[in-house]
Structures are given as C-alpha cells and as structure tokens.
Amino acid sequence: TAAVFANMLNAESQTIWKDVEGVMNADPKSFPDAQF
C-alpha cells in the first residue's frame, strides 16, 4: 500500500519503520547472529 501511494504521489522516498536496525540476512528472532 505504501509503495502504491509513493508511486502515485511521485514521492521522493518510502521508509518502512521496523523493530530491527534494517534488512538482515536472516530473521534475527530465529538467527541471533543475523547480519545487517
């Protein structure tokens, strides 16, 4: 939904706010040593 609005509003950026520092290489809940 956010991406649809970003596209149709010609937004400068979209930000997804999550409870992790960013995208990890694995689910940190299952893999404690997951890398940022």
PDB file of all heavy atoms in Angstrom:
ATOM      1  N   THR A   1       0.835  -1.210   0.000  1.00  0.00           N
ATOM      2  CA  THR A   1       0.000   0.000   0.000  1.00  0.00           C
ATOM      3  C   THR A   1       0.866   1.255   0.000  1.00  0.00           C
ATOM      4  O   THR A   1       0.623   2.200  -0.753  1.00  0.00           O
ATOM      5  CB  THR A   1      -0.910   0.017   1.239  1.00  0.00           C
ATOM      6  OG1 THR A   1      -1.748  -1.125   1.232  1.00  0.00           O
ATOM      7  CG2 THR A   1      -1.777   1.279   1.261  1.00  0.00           C
ATOM      8  N   ALA A   2       1.874   1.270   0.862  1.00  0.00           N
ATOM      9  CA  ALA A   2       2.764   2.435   0.938  1.00  0.00           C
ATOM     10  C   ALA A   2       3.471   2.668  -0.395  1.00  0.00           C
ATOM     11  O   ALA A   2       3.628   3.817  -0.830  1.00  0.00           O
ATOM     12  CB  ALA A   2       3.791   2.233   2.050  1.00  0.00           C
ATOM     13  N   ALA A   3       3.886   1.585  -1.061  1.00  0.00           N
ATOM     14  CA  ALA A   3       4.564   1.720  -2.354  1.00  0.00           C
ATOM     15  C   ALA A   3       3.622   2.252  -3.432  1.00  0.00           C
ATOM     16  O   ALA A   3       4.030   3.040  -4.293  1.00  0.00           O
ATOM     17  CB  ALA A   3       5.145   0.375  -2.782  1.00  0.00           C
ATOM     18  N   VAL A   4       2.368   1.840  -3.369  1.00  0.00           N
ATOM     19  CA  VAL A   4       1.373   2.357  -4.325  1.00  0.00           C
ATOM     20  C   VAL A   4       1.207   3.865  -4.141  1.00  0.00           C
ATOM     21  O   VAL A   4       1.209   4.635  -5.116  1.00  0.00           O
ATOM     22  CB  VAL A   4       0.027   1.627  -4.142  1.00  0.00           C
ATOM     23  CG1 VAL A   4      -1.080   2.326  -4.938  1.00  0.00           C
ATOM     24  CG2 VAL A   4       0.158   0.168  -4.567  1.00  0.00           C
ATOM     25  N   PHE A   5       1.098   4.302  -2.888  1.00  0.00           N
ATOM     26  CA  PHE A   5       0.980   5.739  -2.629  1.00  0.00           C
ATOM     27  C   PHE A   5       2.254   6.476  -3.046  1.00  0.00           C
ATOM     28  O   PHE A   5       2.186   7.570  -3.620  1.00  0.00           O
ATOM     29  CB  PHE A   5       0.679   5.999  -1.153  1.00  0.00           C
ATOM     30  CG  PHE A   5      -0.772   5.911  -0.802  1.00  0.00           C
ATOM     31  CD1 PHE A   5      -1.277   4.823  -0.091  1.00  0.00           C
ATOM     32  CD2 PHE A   5      -1.653   6.909  -1.183  1.00  0.00           C
ATOM     33  CE1 PHE A   5      -2.616   4.741   0.232  1.00  0.00           C
ATOM     34  CE2 PHE A   5      -3.003   6.845  -0.871  1.00  0.00           C
ATOM     35  CZ  PHE A   5      -3.486   5.743  -0.160  1.00  0.00           C
ATOM     36  N   ALA A   6       3.417   5.896  -2.758  1.00  0.00           N
ATOM     37  CA  ALA A   6       4.676   6.538  -3.150  1.00  0.00           C
ATOM     38  C   ALA A   6       4.747   6.709  -4.658  1.00  0.00           C
ATOM     39  O   ALA A   6       5.137   7.775  -5.159  1.00  0.00           O
ATOM     40  CB  ALA A   6       5.863   5.704  -2.656  1.00  0.00           C
ATOM     41  N   ASN A   7       4.350   5.692  -5.382  1.00  0.00           N
ATOM     42  CA  ASN A   7       4.353   5.755  -6.843  1.00  0.00           C
ATOM     43  C   ASN A   7       3.395   6.829  -7.345  1.00  0.00           C
ATOM     44  O   ASN A   7       3.759   7.674  -8.173  1.00  0.00           O
ATOM     45  CB  ASN A   7       3.972   4.386  -7.398  1.00  0.00           C
ATOM     46  CG  ASN A   7       3.834   4.358  -8.916  1.00  0.00           C
ATOM     47  OD1 ASN A   7       2.897   4.925  -9.467  1.00  0.00           O
ATOM     48  ND2 ASN A   7       4.754   3.685  -9.578  1.00  0.00           N
ATOM     49  N   MET A   8       2.183   6.820  -6.854  1.00  0.00           N
ATOM     50  CA  MET A   8       1.150   7.710  -7.384  1.00  0.00           C
ATOM     51  C   MET A   8       1.310   9.151  -6.912  1.00  0.00           C
ATOM     52  O   MET A   8       0.806  10.072  -7.548  1.00  0.00           O
ATOM     53  CB  MET A   8      -0.233   7.168  -7.023  1.00  0.00           C
ATOM     54  CG  MET A   8      -0.544   5.840  -7.709  1.00  0.00           C
ATOM     55  SD  MET A   8      -2.250   5.312  -7.454  1.00  0.00           S
ATOM     56  CE  MET A   8      -2.266   3.791  -8.417  1.00  0.00           C
ATOM     57  N   LEU A   9       2.016   9.336  -5.803  1.00  0.00           N
ATOM     58  CA  LEU A   9       2.296  10.693  -5.323  1.00  0.00           C
ATOM     59  C   LEU A   9       3.661  11.198  -5.803  1.00  0.00           C
ATOM     60  O   LEU A   9       4.054  12.321  -5.471  1.00  0.00           O
ATOM     61  CB  LEU A   9       2.262  10.722  -3.789  1.00  0.00           C
ATOM     62  CG  LEU A   9       0.887  10.548  -3.130  1.00  0.00           C
ATOM     63  CD1 LEU A   9       1.039  10.267  -1.643  1.00  0.00           C
ATOM     64  CD2 LEU A   9       0.015  11.788  -3.361  1.00  0.00           C
ATOM     65  N   ASN A  10       4.381  10.341  -6.562  1.00  0.00           N
ATOM     66  CA  ASN A  10       5.750  10.680  -7.000  1.00  0.00           C
ATOM     67  C   ASN A  10       6.613  11.106  -5.813  1.00  0.00           C
ATOM     68  O   ASN A  10       7.310  12.128  -5.838  1.00  0.00           O
ATOM     69  CB  ASN A  10       5.728  11.787  -8.061  1.00  0.00           C
ATOM     70  CG  ASN A  10       5.072  11.327  -9.352  1.00  0.00           C
ATOM     71  OD1 ASN A  10       5.381  10.260  -9.868  1.00  0.00           O
ATOM     72  ND2 ASN A  10       4.129  12.124  -9.855  1.00  0.00           N
ATOM     73  N   ALA A  11       6.560  10.288  -4.765  1.00  0.00           N
ATOM     74  CA  ALA A  11       7.288  10.605  -3.534  1.00  0.00           C
ATOM     75  C   ALA A  11       8.797  10.562  -3.758  1.00  0.00           C
ATOM     76  O   ALA A  11       9.289   9.852  -4.633  1.00  0.00           O
ATOM     77  CB  ALA A  11       6.907   9.618  -2.440  1.00  0.00           C
ATOM     78  N   GLU A  12       9.521  11.307  -2.932  1.00  0.00           N
ATOM     79  CA  GLU A  12      10.983  11.295  -3.041  1.00  0.00           C
ATOM     80  C   GLU A  12      11.565  10.034  -2.423  1.00  0.00           C
ATOM     81  O   GLU A  12      12.662   9.601  -2.781  1.00  0.00           O
ATOM     82  CB  GLU A  12      11.589  12.522  -2.371  1.00  0.00           C
ATOM     83  CG  GLU A  12      11.389  12.593  -0.873  1.00  0.00           C
ATOM     84  CD  GLU A  12      11.978  13.846  -0.259  1.00  0.00           C
ATOM     85  OE1 GLU A  12      11.397  14.931  -0.435  1.00  0.00           O
ATOM     86  OE2 GLU A  12      13.027  13.720   0.400  1.00  0.00           O
ATOM     87  N   SER A  13      10.834   9.405  -1.470  1.00  0.00           N
ATOM     88  CA  SER A  13      11.310   8.170  -0.852  1.00  0.00           C
ATOM     89  C   SER A  13      10.162   7.503  -0.104  1.00  0.00           C
ATOM     90  O   SER A  13       9.140   8.129   0.192  1.00  0.00           O
ATOM     91  CB  SER A  13      12.456   8.451   0.124  1.00  0.00           C
ATOM     92  OG  SER A  13      11.998   9.223   1.223  1.00  0.00           O
ATOM     93  N   GLN A  14      10.366   6.219   0.174  1.00  0.00           N
ATOM     94  CA  GLN A  14       9.470   5.489   1.070  1.00  0.00           C
ATOM     95  C   GLN A  14      10.320   4.915   2.193  1.00  0.00           C
ATOM     96  O   GLN A  14      11.413   4.395   1.952  1.00  0.00           O
ATOM     97  CB  GLN A  14       8.763   4.345   0.344  1.00  0.00           C
ATOM     98  CG  GLN A  14       7.920   3.464   1.270  1.00  0.00           C
ATOM     99  CD  GLN A  14       7.215   2.337   0.536  1.00  0.00           C
ATOM    100  OE1 GLN A  14       6.902   2.466  -0.643  1.00  0.00           O
ATOM    101  NE2 GLN A  14       6.969   1.231   1.220  1.00  0.00           N
ATOM    102  N   THR A  15       9.828   5.006   3.417  1.00  0.00           N
ATOM    103  CA  THR A  15      10.533   4.446   4.574  1.00  0.00           C
ATOM    104  C   THR A  15       9.629   3.477   5.310  1.00  0.00           C
ATOM    105  O   THR A  15       8.484   3.809   5.640  1.00  0.00           O
ATOM    106  CB  THR A  15      10.986   5.550   5.547  1.00  0.00           C
ATOM    107  OG1 THR A  15      11.825   6.478   4.849  1.00  0.00           O
ATOM    108  CG2 THR A  15      11.754   4.959   6.714  1.00  0.00           C
ATOM    109  N   ILE A  16      10.146   2.277   5.535  1.00  0.00           N
ATOM    110  CA  ILE A  16       9.457   1.285   6.357  1.00  0.00           C
ATOM    111  C   ILE A  16      10.145   1.256   7.718  1.00  0.00           C
ATOM    112  O   ILE A  16      11.352   1.000   7.803  1.00  0.00           O
ATOM    113  CB  ILE A  16       9.504  -0.106   5.696  1.00  0.00           C
ATOM    114  CG1 ILE A  16       8.767  -0.084   4.349  1.00  0.00           C
ATOM    115  CG2 ILE A  16       8.906  -1.161   6.622  1.00  0.00           C
ATOM    116  CD1 ILE A  16       8.877  -1.381   3.566  1.00  0.00           C
ATOM    117  N   TRP A  17       9.393   1.549   8.763  1.00  0.00           N
ATOM    118  CA  TRP A  17       9.942   1.584  10.118  1.00  0.00           C
ATOM    119  C   TRP A  17       9.668   0.251  10.793  1.00  0.00           C
ATOM    120  O   TRP A  17       8.516  -0.170  10.941  1.00  0.00           O
ATOM    121  CB  TRP A  17       9.315   2.730  10.910  1.00  0.00           C
ATOM    122  CG  TRP A  17       9.661   4.083  10.353  1.00  0.00           C
ATOM    123  CD1 TRP A  17       8.974   4.790   9.410  1.00  0.00           C
ATOM    124  CD2 TRP A  17      10.799   4.875  10.698  1.00  0.00           C
ATOM    125  NE1 TRP A  17       9.605   5.978   9.151  1.00  0.00           N
ATOM    126  CE2 TRP A  17      10.738   6.059   9.926  1.00  0.00           C
ATOM    127  CE3 TRP A  17      11.869   4.696  11.585  1.00  0.00           C
ATOM    128  CZ2 TRP A  17      11.696   7.060  10.019  1.00  0.00           C
ATOM    129  CZ3 TRP A  17      12.832   5.702  11.677  1.00  0.00           C
ATOM    130  CH2 TRP A  17      12.737   6.867  10.900  1.00  0.00           C
ATOM    131  N   LYS A  18      10.752  -0.436  11.219  1.00  0.00           N
ATOM    132  CA  LYS A  18      10.641  -1.767  11.799  1.00  0.00           C
ATOM    133  C   LYS A  18      11.358  -1.816  13.149  1.00  0.00           C
ATOM    134  O   LYS A  18      12.001  -0.841  13.543  1.00  0.00           O
ATOM    135  CB  LYS A  18      11.237  -2.811  10.842  1.00  0.00           C
ATOM    136  CG  LYS A  18      10.532  -2.852   9.475  1.00  0.00           C
ATOM    137  CD  LYS A  18      11.153  -3.854   8.549  1.00  0.00           C
ATOM    138  CE  LYS A  18      10.826  -5.275   8.935  1.00  0.00           C
ATOM    139  NZ  LYS A  18       9.416  -5.644   8.709  1.00  0.00           N
ATOM    140  N   ASP A  19      11.280  -2.981  13.803  1.00  0.00           N
ATOM    141  CA  ASP A  19      11.919  -3.125  15.115  1.00  0.00           C
ATOM    142  C   ASP A  19      13.313  -3.743  15.006  1.00  0.00           C
ATOM    143  O   ASP A  19      13.831  -4.290  15.971  1.00  0.00           O
ATOM    144  CB  ASP A  19      11.045  -3.942  16.065  1.00  0.00           C
ATOM    145  CG  ASP A  19      10.709  -5.331  15.522  1.00  0.00           C
ATOM    146  OD1 ASP A  19      11.054  -5.614  14.353  1.00  0.00           O
ATOM    147  OD2 ASP A  19      10.107  -6.122  16.263  1.00  0.00           O
ATOM    148  N   VAL A  20      13.910  -3.673  13.821  1.00  0.00           N
ATOM    149  CA  VAL A  20      15.296  -4.104  13.609  1.00  0.00           C
ATOM    150  C   VAL A  20      16.054  -2.926  12.994  1.00  0.00           C
ATOM    151  O   VAL A  20      15.442  -1.971  12.508  1.00  0.00           O
ATOM    152  CB  VAL A  20      15.384  -5.336  12.688  1.00  0.00           C
ATOM    153  CG1 VAL A  20      14.826  -6.560  13.379  1.00  0.00           C
ATOM    154  CG2 VAL A  20      14.655  -5.086  11.363  1.00  0.00           C
ATOM    155  N   GLU A  21      17.378  -3.008  12.985  1.00  0.00           N
ATOM    156  CA  GLU A  21      18.159  -1.864  12.503  1.00  0.00           C
ATOM    157  C   GLU A  21      18.085  -1.672  11.001  1.00  0.00           C
ATOM    158  O   GLU A  21      18.484  -0.637  10.478  1.00  0.00           O
ATOM    159  CB  GLU A  21      19.626  -1.996  12.940  1.00  0.00           C
ATOM    160  CG  GLU A  21      20.351  -3.219  12.413  1.00  0.00           C
ATOM    161  CD  GLU A  21      21.804  -3.261  12.859  1.00  0.00           C
ATOM    162  OE1 GLU A  21      22.536  -2.293  12.571  1.00  0.00           O
ATOM    163  OE2 GLU A  21      22.201  -4.245  13.496  1.00  0.00           O
ATOM    164  N   GLY A  22      17.567  -2.642  10.298  1.00  0.00           N
ATOM    165  CA  GLY A  22      17.439  -2.574   8.847  1.00  0.00           C
ATOM    166  C   GLY A  22      17.183  -3.963   8.320  1.00  0.00           C
ATOM    167  O   GLY A  22      16.694  -4.839   9.042  1.00  0.00           O
ATOM    168  N   VAL A  23      17.499  -4.205   7.056  1.00  0.00           N
ATOM    169  CA  VAL A  23      17.351  -5.541   6.478  1.00  0.00           C
ATOM    170  C   VAL A  23      18.486  -6.417   6.993  1.00  0.00           C
ATOM    171  O   VAL A  23      19.647  -6.024   6.986  1.00  0.00           O
ATOM    172  CB  VAL A  23      17.360  -5.484   4.936  1.00  0.00           C
ATOM    173  CG1 VAL A  23      17.280  -6.889   4.343  1.00  0.00           C
ATOM    174  CG2 VAL A  23      16.201  -4.628   4.424  1.00  0.00           C
ATOM    175  N   MET A  24      18.141  -7.611   7.441  1.00  0.00           N
ATOM    176  CA  MET A  24      19.123  -8.575   7.924  1.00  0.00           C
ATOM    177  C   MET A  24      19.212  -9.736   6.936  1.00  0.00           C
ATOM    178  O   MET A  24      18.309  -9.943   6.121  1.00  0.00           O
ATOM    179  CB  MET A  24      18.722  -9.098   9.306  1.00  0.00           C
ATOM    180  CG  MET A  24      18.275  -8.029  10.285  1.00  0.00           C
ATOM    181  SD  MET A  24      19.585  -6.901  10.787  1.00  0.00           S
ATOM    182  CE  MET A  24      20.455  -7.919  11.976  1.00  0.00           C
ATOM    183  N   ASN A  25      20.275 -10.512   7.023  1.00  0.00           N
ATOM    184  CA  ASN A  25      20.431 -11.635   6.097  1.00  0.00           C
ATOM    185  C   ASN A  25      19.628 -12.864   6.547  1.00  0.00           C
ATOM    186  O   ASN A  25      19.601 -13.876   5.837  1.00  0.00           O
ATOM    187  CB  ASN A  25      21.910 -12.006   5.928  1.00  0.00           C
ATOM    188  CG  ASN A  25      22.469 -12.742   7.128  1.00  0.00           C
ATOM    189  OD1 ASN A  25      22.171 -12.398   8.273  1.00  0.00           O
ATOM    190  ND2 ASN A  25      23.286 -13.750   6.883  1.00  0.00           N
ATOM    191  N   ALA A  26      18.983 -12.778   7.704  1.00  0.00           N
ATOM    192  CA  ALA A  26      18.115 -13.840   8.202  1.00  0.00           C
ATOM    193  C   ALA A  26      17.220 -13.237   9.275  1.00  0.00           C
ATOM    194  O   ALA A  26      17.459 -12.116   9.744  1.00  0.00           O
ATOM    195  CB  ALA A  26      18.948 -14.991   8.774  1.00  0.00           C
ATOM    196  N   ASP A  27      16.183 -13.953   9.645  1.00  0.00           N
ATOM    197  CA  ASP A  27      15.281 -13.485  10.692  1.00  0.00           C
ATOM    198  C   ASP A  27      16.026 -13.488  12.028  1.00  0.00           C
ATOM    199  O   ASP A  27      16.392 -14.555  12.537  1.00  0.00           O
ATOM    200  CB  ASP A  27      14.062 -14.412  10.766  1.00  0.00           C
ATOM    201  CG  ASP A  27      13.043 -13.957  11.795  1.00  0.00           C
ATOM    202  OD1 ASP A  27      13.341 -13.029  12.572  1.00  0.00           O
ATOM    203  OD2 ASP A  27      11.956 -14.547  11.844  1.00  0.00           O
ATOM    204  N   PRO A  28      16.270 -12.316  12.621  1.00  0.00           N
ATOM    205  CA  PRO A  28      17.049 -12.268  13.866  1.00  0.00           C
ATOM    206  C   PRO A  28      16.367 -12.983  15.032  1.00  0.00           C
ATOM    207  O   PRO A  28      17.027 -13.342  16.005  1.00  0.00           O
ATOM    208  CB  PRO A  28      17.200 -10.767  14.133  1.00  0.00           C
ATOM    209  CG  PRO A  28      16.122 -10.111  13.344  1.00  0.00           C
ATOM    210  CD  PRO A  28      15.866 -10.985  12.155  1.00  0.00           C
ATOM    211  N   LYS A  29      15.049 -13.210  14.938  1.00  0.00           N
ATOM    212  CA  LYS A  29      14.365 -13.939  16.006  1.00  0.00           C
ATOM    213  C   LYS A  29      14.749 -15.415  15.993  1.00  0.00           C
ATOM    214  O   LYS A  29      14.749 -16.076  17.029  1.00  0.00           O
ATOM    215  CB  LYS A  29      12.847 -13.786  15.853  1.00  0.00           C
ATOM    216  CG  LYS A  29      12.369 -12.350  16.066  1.00  0.00           C
ATOM    217  CD  LYS A  29      10.910 -12.194  15.723  1.00  0.00           C
ATOM    218  CE  LYS A  29      10.485 -10.725  15.829  1.00  0.00           C
ATOM    219  NZ  LYS A  29       9.118 -10.507  15.316  1.00  0.00           N
ATOM    220  N   SER A  30      15.077 -15.925  14.809  1.00  0.00           N
ATOM    221  CA  SER A  30      15.480 -17.321  14.680  1.00  0.00           C
ATOM    222  C   SER A  30      16.994 -17.481  14.603  1.00  0.00           C
ATOM    223  O   SER A  30      17.528 -18.536  14.937  1.00  0.00           O
ATOM    224  CB  SER A  30      14.840 -17.944  13.429  1.00  0.00           C
ATOM    225  OG  SER A  30      13.442 -17.850  13.468  1.00  0.00           O
ATOM    226  N   PHE A  31      17.669 -16.436  14.134  1.00  0.00           N
ATOM    227  CA  PHE A  31      19.121 -16.484  13.957  1.00  0.00           C
ATOM    228  C   PHE A  31      19.745 -15.293  14.690  1.00  0.00           C
ATOM    229  O   PHE A  31      19.853 -14.201  14.133  1.00  0.00           O
ATOM    230  CB  PHE A  31      19.492 -16.433  12.461  1.00  0.00           C
ATOM    231  CG  PHE A  31      18.958 -17.594  11.669  1.00  0.00           C
ATOM    232  CD1 PHE A  31      17.696 -17.537  11.088  1.00  0.00           C
ATOM    233  CD2 PHE A  31      19.719 -18.746  11.506  1.00  0.00           C
ATOM    234  CE1 PHE A  31      17.203 -18.610  10.363  1.00  0.00           C
ATOM    235  CE2 PHE A  31      19.239 -19.818  10.776  1.00  0.00           C
ATOM    236  CZ  PHE A  31      17.973 -19.757  10.203  1.00  0.00           C
ATOM    237  N   PRO A  32      20.130 -15.471  15.937  1.00  0.00           N
ATOM    238  CA  PRO A  32      20.672 -14.357  16.743  1.00  0.00           C
ATOM    239  C   PRO A  32      21.912 -13.704  16.135  1.00  0.00           C
ATOM    240  O   PRO A  32      22.193 -12.539  16.424  1.00  0.00           O
ATOM    241  CB  PRO A  32      21.003 -15.021  18.089  1.00  0.00           C
ATOM    242  CG  PRO A  32      20.154 -16.252  18.138  1.00  0.00           C
ATOM    243  CD  PRO A  32      20.027 -16.714  16.727  1.00  0.00           C
ATOM    244  N   ASP A  33      22.652 -14.444  15.306  1.00  0.00           N
ATOM    245  CA  ASP A  33      23.857 -13.868  14.698  1.00  0.00           C
ATOM    246  C   ASP A  33      23.597 -13.303  13.300  1.00  0.00           C
ATOM    247  O   ASP A  33      24.519 -13.119  12.501  1.00  0.00           O
ATOM    248  CB  ASP A  33      24.975 -14.918  14.632  1.00  0.00           C
ATOM    249  CG  ASP A  33      24.561 -16.172  13.865  1.00  0.00           C
ATOM    250  OD1 ASP A  33      23.344 -16.302  13.568  1.00  0.00           O
ATOM    251  OD2 ASP A  33      25.433 -17.013  13.566  1.00  0.00           O
ATOM    252  N   ALA A  34      22.333 -13.017  13.000  1.00  0.00           N
ATOM    253  CA  ALA A  34      21.987 -12.433  11.695  1.00  0.00           C
ATOM    254  C   ALA A  34      22.755 -11.141  11.456  1.00  0.00           C
ATOM    255  O   ALA A  34      22.970 -10.351  12.381  1.00  0.00           O
ATOM    256  CB  ALA A  34      20.480 -12.174  11.621  1.00  0.00           C
ATOM    257  N   GLN A  35      23.162 -10.920  10.193  1.00  0.00           N
ATOM    258  CA  GLN A  35      23.977  -9.755   9.837  1.00  0.00           C
ATOM    259  C   GLN A  35      23.128  -8.641   9.228  1.00  0.00           C
ATOM    260  O   GLN A  35      22.217  -8.900   8.450  1.00  0.00           O
ATOM    261  CB  GLN A  35      25.052 -10.155   8.826  1.00  0.00           C
ATOM    262  CG  GLN A  35      26.004 -11.236   9.298  1.00  0.00           C
ATOM    263  CD  GLN A  35      26.960 -11.657   8.197  1.00  0.00           C
ATOM    264  OE1 GLN A  35      27.599 -10.827   7.540  1.00  0.00           O
ATOM    265  NE2 GLN A  35      27.061 -12.955   7.970  1.00  0.00           N
ATOM    266  N   PHE A  36      23.465  -7.429   9.569  1.00  0.00           N
ATOM    267  CA  PHE A  36      22.835  -6.234   8.988  1.00  0.00           C
ATOM    268  C   PHE A  36      23.370  -6.001   7.575  1.00  0.00           C
ATOM    269  O   PHE A  36      24.560  -6.164   7.306  1.00  0.00           O
ATOM    270  CB  PHE A  36      23.131  -5.024   9.873  1.00  0.00           C
ATOM    271  CG  PHE A  36      22.811  -3.701   9.251  1.00  0.00           C
ATOM    272  CD1 PHE A  36      21.504  -3.314   9.024  1.00  0.00           C
ATOM    273  CD2 PHE A  36      23.833  -2.838   8.861  1.00  0.00           C
ATOM    274  CE1 PHE A  36      21.205  -2.085   8.454  1.00  0.00           C
ATOM    275  CE2 PHE A  36      23.544  -1.612   8.284  1.00  0.00           C
ATOM    276  CZ  PHE A  36      22.226  -1.238   8.083  1.00  0.00           C
TER     277      PHE A  36
END
